[in-house]
PDB file of N, CA and C in Angstrom:
ATOM      1  N   MET A   1       0.612  -1.181  -0.031  1.00  0.00           N
ATOM      2  CA  MET A   1       0.157  -0.243  -0.078  1.00  0.00           C
ATOM      3  C   MET A   1       0.934   1.507  -0.240  1.00  0.00           C
ATOM      4  N   PHE A   2       1.055   1.315   1.277  1.00  0.00           N
ATOM      5  CA  PHE A   2       2.355   2.999   1.192  1.00  0.00           C
ATOM      6  C   PHE A   2       3.624   1.941   1.022  1.00  0.00           C
ATOM      7  N   THR A   3       4.498   2.658   0.187  1.00  0.00           N
ATOM      8  CA  THR A   3       5.888   1.864   1.402  1.00  0.00           C
ATOM      9  C   THR A   3       6.253   3.298   1.209  1.00  0.00           C
ATOM     10  N   PHE A   4       7.456   3.808   0.962  1.00  0.00           N
ATOM     11  CA  PHE A   4       8.858   4.226   1.293  1.00  0.00           C
ATOM     12  C   PHE A   4       9.219   4.901  -0.477  1.00  0.00           C
ATOM     13  N   GLN A   5       9.143   3.714  -1.206  1.00  0.00           N
ATOM     14  CA  GLN A   5       9.246   4.386  -2.771  1.00  0.00           C
ATOM     15  C   GLN A   5       7.907   5.490  -3.433  1.00  0.00           C
ATOM     16  N   ASN A   6       6.700   5.281  -2.564  1.00  0.00           N
ATOM     17  CA  ASN A   6       5.585   5.519  -2.693  1.00  0.00           C
ATOM     18  C   ASN A   6       5.780   7.248  -2.022  1.00  0.00           C
ATOM     19  N   ALA A   7       6.380   7.149  -0.727  1.00  0.00           N
ATOM     20  CA  ALA A   7       6.137   8.430  -0.134  1.00  0.00           C
ATOM     21  C   ALA A   7       7.324   8.870  -0.854  1.00  0.00           C
ATOM     22  N   LYS A   8       8.280   8.483  -1.198  1.00  0.00           N
ATOM     23  CA  LYS A   8       9.222   9.971  -1.450  1.00  0.00           C
ATOM     24  C   LYS A   8       9.298   9.980  -3.023  1.00  0.00           C
ATOM     25  N   LEU A   9       8.029   9.101  -3.681  1.00  0.00           N
ATOM     26  CA  LEU A   9       7.492   9.978  -5.046  1.00  0.00           C
ATOM     27  C   LEU A   9       7.369  11.591  -4.889  1.00  0.00           C
ATOM     28  N   ILE A  10       6.197  10.902  -4.108  1.00  0.00           N
ATOM     29  CA  ILE A  10       4.914  12.250  -3.502  1.00  0.00           C
ATOM     30  C   ILE A  10       5.707  13.313  -2.913  1.00  0.00           C
ATOM     31  N   VAL A  11       6.287  13.227  -1.989  1.00  0.00           N
ATOM     32  CA  VAL A  11       7.640  14.462  -1.454  1.00  0.00           C
ATOM     33  C   VAL A  11       8.008  14.657  -2.260  1.00  0.00           C
ATOM     34  N   ARG A  12       8.623  14.338  -3.210  1.00  0.00           N
ATOM     35  CA  ARG A  12       9.435  15.207  -4.154  1.00  0.00           C
ATOM     36  C   ARG A  12       8.579  15.482  -5.322  1.00  0.00           C
ATOM     37  N   ALA A  13       7.307  15.135  -5.709  1.00  0.00           N
ATOM     38  CA  ALA A  13       6.641  16.250  -6.516  1.00  0.00           C
ATOM     39  C   ALA A  13       5.724  17.455  -5.297  1.00  0.00           C
ATOM     40  N   ALA A  14       5.574  17.248  -4.429  1.00  0.00           N
ATOM     41  CA  ALA A  14       5.606  17.883  -3.520  1.00  0.00           C
ATOM     42  C   ALA A  14       6.266  18.821  -3.020  1.00  0.00           C
ATOM     43  N   LEU A  15       8.007  18.693  -2.858  1.00  0.00           N
ATOM     44  CA  LEU A  15       8.704  19.961  -2.943  1.00  0.00           C
ATOM     45  C   LEU A  15       9.067  20.719  -4.224  1.00  0.00           C
ATOM     46  N   ALA A  16       9.175  19.509  -5.586  1.00  0.00           N
ATOM     47  CA  ALA A  16       9.064  20.749  -6.350  1.00  0.00           C
ATOM     48  C   ALA A  16       8.545  21.539  -7.201  1.00  0.00           C
ATOM     49  N   TYR A  17       6.661  21.599  -6.286  1.00  0.00           N
ATOM     50  CA  TYR A  17       5.911  22.452  -6.869  1.00  0.00           C
ATOM     51  C   TYR A  17       6.297  23.181  -6.034  1.00  0.00           C
ATOM     52  N   ALA A  18       6.694  24.128  -4.670  1.00  0.00           N
ATOM     53  CA  ALA A  18       6.987  23.975  -3.812  1.00  0.00           C
ATOM     54  C   ALA A  18       8.361  25.439  -4.334  1.00  0.00           C
ATOM     55  N   GLN A  19       9.597  24.767  -5.400  1.00  0.00           N
ATOM     56  CA  GLN A  19      10.225  25.238  -6.064  1.00  0.00           C
ATOM     57  C   GLN A  19       9.948  25.782  -7.388  1.00  0.00           C
ATOM     58  N   ILE A  20       9.190  25.113  -7.740  1.00  0.00           N
ATOM     59  CA  ILE A  20       8.620  25.953  -9.290  1.00  0.00           C
ATOM     60  C   ILE A  20       7.842  26.681  -9.159  1.00  0.00           C
ATOM     61  N   LEU A  21       6.253  26.948  -8.788  1.00  0.00           N
ATOM     62  CA  LEU A  21       5.660  27.277  -8.647  1.00  0.00           C
ATOM     63  C   LEU A  21       6.351  28.808  -7.809  1.00  0.00           C
ATOM     64  N   PRO A  22       7.102  29.429  -7.024  1.00  0.00           N
ATOM     65  CA  PRO A  22       6.670  31.033  -6.583  1.00  0.00           C
ATOM     66  C   PRO A  22       8.660  31.154  -7.460  1.00  0.00           C
ATOM     67  N   THR A  23       9.109  30.014  -7.775  1.00  0.00           N
ATOM     68  CA  THR A  23      10.017  30.713  -9.050  1.00  0.00           C
ATOM     69  C   THR A  23       9.650  31.259 -10.244  1.00  0.00           C
ATOM     70  N   ILE A  24       8.420  30.758 -10.637  1.00  0.00           N
ATOM     71  CA  ILE A  24       7.716  31.496 -12.113  1.00  0.00           C
ATOM     72  C   ILE A  24       7.076  32.372 -11.530  1.00  0.00           C
ATOM     73  N   GLY A  25       6.860  32.976 -10.224  1.00  0.00           N
ATOM     74  CA  GLY A  25       5.902  33.949  -9.591  1.00  0.00           C
ATOM     75  C   GLY A  25       6.409  34.611  -9.476  1.00  0.00           C
ATOM     76  N   LEU A  26       8.118  34.529  -8.933  1.00  0.00           N
ATOM     77  CA  LEU A  26       9.002  35.587  -9.076  1.00  0.00           C
ATOM     78  C   LEU A  26       9.316  36.503 -11.491  1.00  0.00           C
ATOM     79  N   LYS A  27       9.301  35.342 -11.443  1.00  0.00           N
ATOM     80  CA  LYS A  27       9.561  35.774 -12.922  1.00  0.00           C
ATOM     81  C   LYS A  27       8.634  36.041 -14.185  1.00  0.00           C
ATOM     82  N   GLN A  28       7.478  35.363 -13.919  1.00  0.00           N
ATOM     83  CA  GLN A  28       6.047  35.540 -15.054  1.00  0.00           C
ATOM     84  C   GLN A  28       4.657  36.138 -14.107  1.00  0.00           C
ATOM     85  N   GLY A  29       4.949  36.339 -12.892  1.00  0.00           N
ATOM     86  CA  GLY A  29       3.953  36.544 -12.172  1.00  0.00           C
ATOM     87  C   GLY A  29       3.523  37.890 -11.565  1.00  0.00           C
ATOM     88  N   PRO A  30       2.325  38.682 -10.970  1.00  0.00           N
ATOM     89  CA  PRO A  30       2.500  39.920 -10.828  1.00  0.00           C
ATOM     90  C   PRO A  30       3.146  40.210  -9.681  1.00  0.00           C
ATOM     91  N   ARG A  31       3.307  41.847  -9.511  1.00  0.00           N
ATOM     92  CA  ARG A  31       4.399  42.247  -8.948  1.00  0.00           C
ATOM     93  C   ARG A  31       3.869  42.233  -7.199  1.00  0.00           C
ATOM     94  N   GLU A  32       2.949  42.066  -6.916  1.00  0.00           N
ATOM     95  CA  GLU A  32       2.217  42.049  -5.429  1.00  0.00           C
ATOM     96  C   GLU A  32       2.346  40.186  -4.558  1.00  0.00           C
ATOM     97  N   CYS A  33       3.130  39.635  -6.547  1.00  0.00           N
ATOM     98  CA  CYS A  33       3.107  37.938  -5.352  1.00  0.00           C
ATOM     99  C   CYS A  33       4.439  38.050  -5.663  1.00  0.00           C
ATOM    100  N   HIS A  34       5.877  39.220  -5.572  1.00  0.00           N
ATOM    101  CA  HIS A  34       6.861  38.678  -6.073  1.00  0.00           C
ATOM    102  C   HIS A  34       7.568  38.387  -4.280  1.00  0.00           C
ATOM    103  N   GLU A  35       6.636  39.437  -3.041  1.00  0.00           N
ATOM    104  CA  GLU A  35       7.665  38.836  -1.530  1.00  0.00           C
ATOM    105  C   GLU A  35       6.510  38.013  -1.302  1.00  0.00           C
ATOM    106  N   LEU A  36       5.457  37.150  -1.453  1.00  0.00           N
ATOM    107  CA  LEU A  36       5.523  36.261  -1.010  1.00  0.00           C
ATOM    108  C   LEU A  36       6.320  34.888  -1.592  1.00  0.00           C
ATOM    109  N   SER A  37       6.698  34.706  -2.913  1.00  0.00           N
ATOM    110  CA  SER A  37       7.445  33.929  -3.517  1.00  0.00           C
ATOM    111  C   SER A  37       8.799  34.295  -3.251  1.00  0.00           C
ATOM    112  N   LYS A  38       9.391  35.460  -2.366  1.00  0.00           N
ATOM    113  CA  LYS A  38      10.939  35.084  -1.933  1.00  0.00           C
ATOM    114  C   LYS A  38      10.775  34.404  -0.890  1.00  0.00           C
ATOM    115  N   GLN A  39       9.574  34.340  -0.108  1.00  0.00           N
ATOM    116  CA  GLN A  39       9.663  34.661   1.333  1.00  0.00           C
ATOM    117  C   GLN A  39       9.315  32.510   1.313  1.00  0.00           C
ATOM    118  N   LEU A  40       8.555  32.426   0.238  1.00  0.00           N
ATOM    119  CA  LEU A  40       8.367  30.684   0.076  1.00  0.00           C
ATOM    120  C   LEU A  40       9.427  30.369  -0.181  1.00  0.00           C
ATOM    121  N   LEU A  41      10.099  30.811  -0.983  1.00  0.00           N
ATOM    122  CA  LEU A  41      11.685  30.285  -1.509  1.00  0.00           C
ATOM    123  C   LEU A  41      13.156  30.219  -0.610  1.00  0.00           C
ATOM    124  N   SER A  42      12.807  31.722   0.302  1.00  0.00           N
ATOM    125  CA  SER A  42      13.899  31.404   1.527  1.00  0.00           C
ATOM    126  C   SER A  42      13.541  30.477   2.660  1.00  0.00           C
ATOM    127  N   THR A  43      11.782  29.984   3.238  1.00  0.00           N
ATOM    128  CA  THR A  43      11.577  29.157   3.981  1.00  0.00           C
ATOM    129  C   THR A  43      11.747  27.843   4.083  1.00  0.00           C
ATOM    130  N   CYS A  44      11.215  27.007   2.417  1.00  0.00           N
ATOM    131  CA  CYS A  44      11.847  25.936   2.192  1.00  0.00           C
ATOM    132  C   CYS A  44      13.613  25.818   1.719  1.00  0.00           C
ATOM    133  N   GLY A  45      13.716  26.665   1.162  1.00  0.00           N
ATOM    134  CA  GLY A  45      15.412  26.464   0.652  1.00  0.00           C
ATOM    135  C   GLY A  45      16.087  25.167   1.267  1.00  0.00           C
ATOM    136  N   PRO A  46      16.219  25.074   2.781  1.00  0.00           N
ATOM    137  CA  PRO A  46      16.878  24.124   3.129  1.00  0.00           C
ATOM    138  C   PRO A  46      16.123  22.964   3.158  1.00  0.00           C
ATOM    139  N   LEU A  47      14.592  22.738   2.867  1.00  0.00           N
ATOM    140  CA  LEU A  47      14.113  21.283   2.698  1.00  0.00           C
ATOM    141  C   LEU A  47      14.702  20.914   0.666  1.00  0.00           C
ATOM    142  N   PHE A  48      14.688  21.996   0.313  1.00  0.00           N
ATOM    143  CA  PHE A  48      15.526  21.304  -1.549  1.00  0.00           C
ATOM    144  C   PHE A  48      16.722  21.239  -0.884  1.00  0.00           C
ATOM    145  N   VAL A  49      18.017  22.046  -0.493  1.00  0.00           N
ATOM    146  CA  VAL A  49      18.793  21.819   0.104  1.00  0.00           C
ATOM    147  C   VAL A  49      19.003  20.286   0.716  1.00  0.00           C
ATOM    148  N   HIS A  50      18.100  20.179   1.329  1.00  0.00           N
ATOM    149  CA  HIS A  50      18.459  18.776   2.352  1.00  0.00           C
ATOM    150  C   HIS A  50      17.779  17.047   1.090  1.00  0.00           C
ATOM    151  N   TRP A  51      16.690  17.607   0.571  1.00  0.00           N
ATOM    152  CA  TRP A  51      16.371  16.766  -0.724  1.00  0.00           C
ATOM    153  C   TRP A  51      17.398  16.096  -1.141  1.00  0.00           C
ATOM    154  N   GLU A  52      18.174  16.985  -1.747  1.00  0.00           N
ATOM    155  CA  GLU A  52      19.074  17.209  -2.426  1.00  0.00           C
ATOM    156  C   GLU A  52      20.145  16.237  -1.977  1.00  0.00           C
ATOM    157  N   ASN A  53      21.315  16.652  -1.385  1.00  0.00           N
ATOM    158  CA  ASN A  53      22.061  16.689  -0.038  1.00  0.00           C
ATOM    159  C   ASN A  53      21.551  14.138  -0.136  1.00  0.00           C
ATOM    160  N   GLU A  54      20.140  13.824   0.456  1.00  0.00           N
ATOM    161  CA  GLU A  54      19.873  13.141   0.818  1.00  0.00           C
ATOM    162  C   GLU A  54      19.149  12.404  -0.356  1.00  0.00           C
ATOM    163  N   TYR A  55      18.910  12.552  -1.540  1.00  0.00           N
ATOM    164  CA  TYR A  55      17.966  11.493  -2.319  1.00  0.00           C
ATOM    165  C   TYR A  55      18.630  11.753  -3.802  1.00  0.00           C
ATOM    166  N   GLY A  56      19.487  13.052  -4.466  1.00  0.00           N
ATOM    167  CA  GLY A  56      19.464  13.259  -5.481  1.00  0.00           C
ATOM    168  C   GLY A  56      19.015  14.429  -5.955  1.00  0.00           C
ATOM    169  N   GLN A  57      18.426  14.376  -6.753  1.00  0.00           N
ATOM    170  CA  GLN A  57      18.391  15.765  -7.472  1.00  0.00           C
ATOM    171  C   GLN A  57      16.717  16.123  -7.602  1.00  0.00           C
ATOM    172  N   LEU A  58      16.382  17.520  -6.815  1.00  0.00           N
ATOM    173  CA  LEU A  58      14.960  17.450  -7.145  1.00  0.00           C
ATOM    174  C   LEU A  58      14.298  17.440  -8.452  1.00  0.00           C
ATOM    175  N   LEU A  59      14.811  18.633  -8.985  1.00  0.00           N
ATOM    176  CA  LEU A  59      14.054  18.704 -10.004  1.00  0.00           C
ATOM    177  C   LEU A  59      14.437  17.867 -11.434  1.00  0.00           C
ATOM    178  N   ASP A  60      13.721  17.456 -12.640  1.00  0.00           N
ATOM    179  CA  ASP A  60      14.858  17.008 -13.555  1.00  0.00           C
ATOM    180  C   ASP A  60      14.955  18.068 -14.293  1.00  0.00           C
ATOM    181  N   PRO A  61      16.292  17.172 -15.347  1.00  0.00           N
ATOM    182  CA  PRO A  61      16.905  18.960 -16.352  1.00  0.00           C
ATOM    183  C   PRO A  61      15.973  18.861 -17.374  1.00  0.00           C
ATOM    184  N   ALA A  62      16.314  20.361 -17.663  1.00  0.00           N
ATOM    185  CA  ALA A  62      14.919  21.030 -18.760  1.00  0.00           C
ATOM    186  C   ALA A  62      15.664  20.290 -19.707  1.00  0.00           C
ATOM    187  N   GLU A  63      14.801  19.368 -20.693  1.00  0.00           N
ATOM    188  CA  GLU A  63      14.740  18.783 -22.122  1.00  0.00           C
ATOM    189  C   GLU A  63      15.296  20.222 -23.056  1.00  0.00           C
TER     190      GLU A  63
END
């Protein structure tokens, strides 16, 4: 049912979205969203680093 590998995929997807969406918000979003995007990226930054150190790449390379 719930295995470590399944949980790992779900957490990776959640962290990837937590990194992707604020990054896009900074580039293309309305000015009102920039501060929130910066805050989300700085708050979640240590989680991204920990994931990459522990499990490998968070985001797949762009093709």
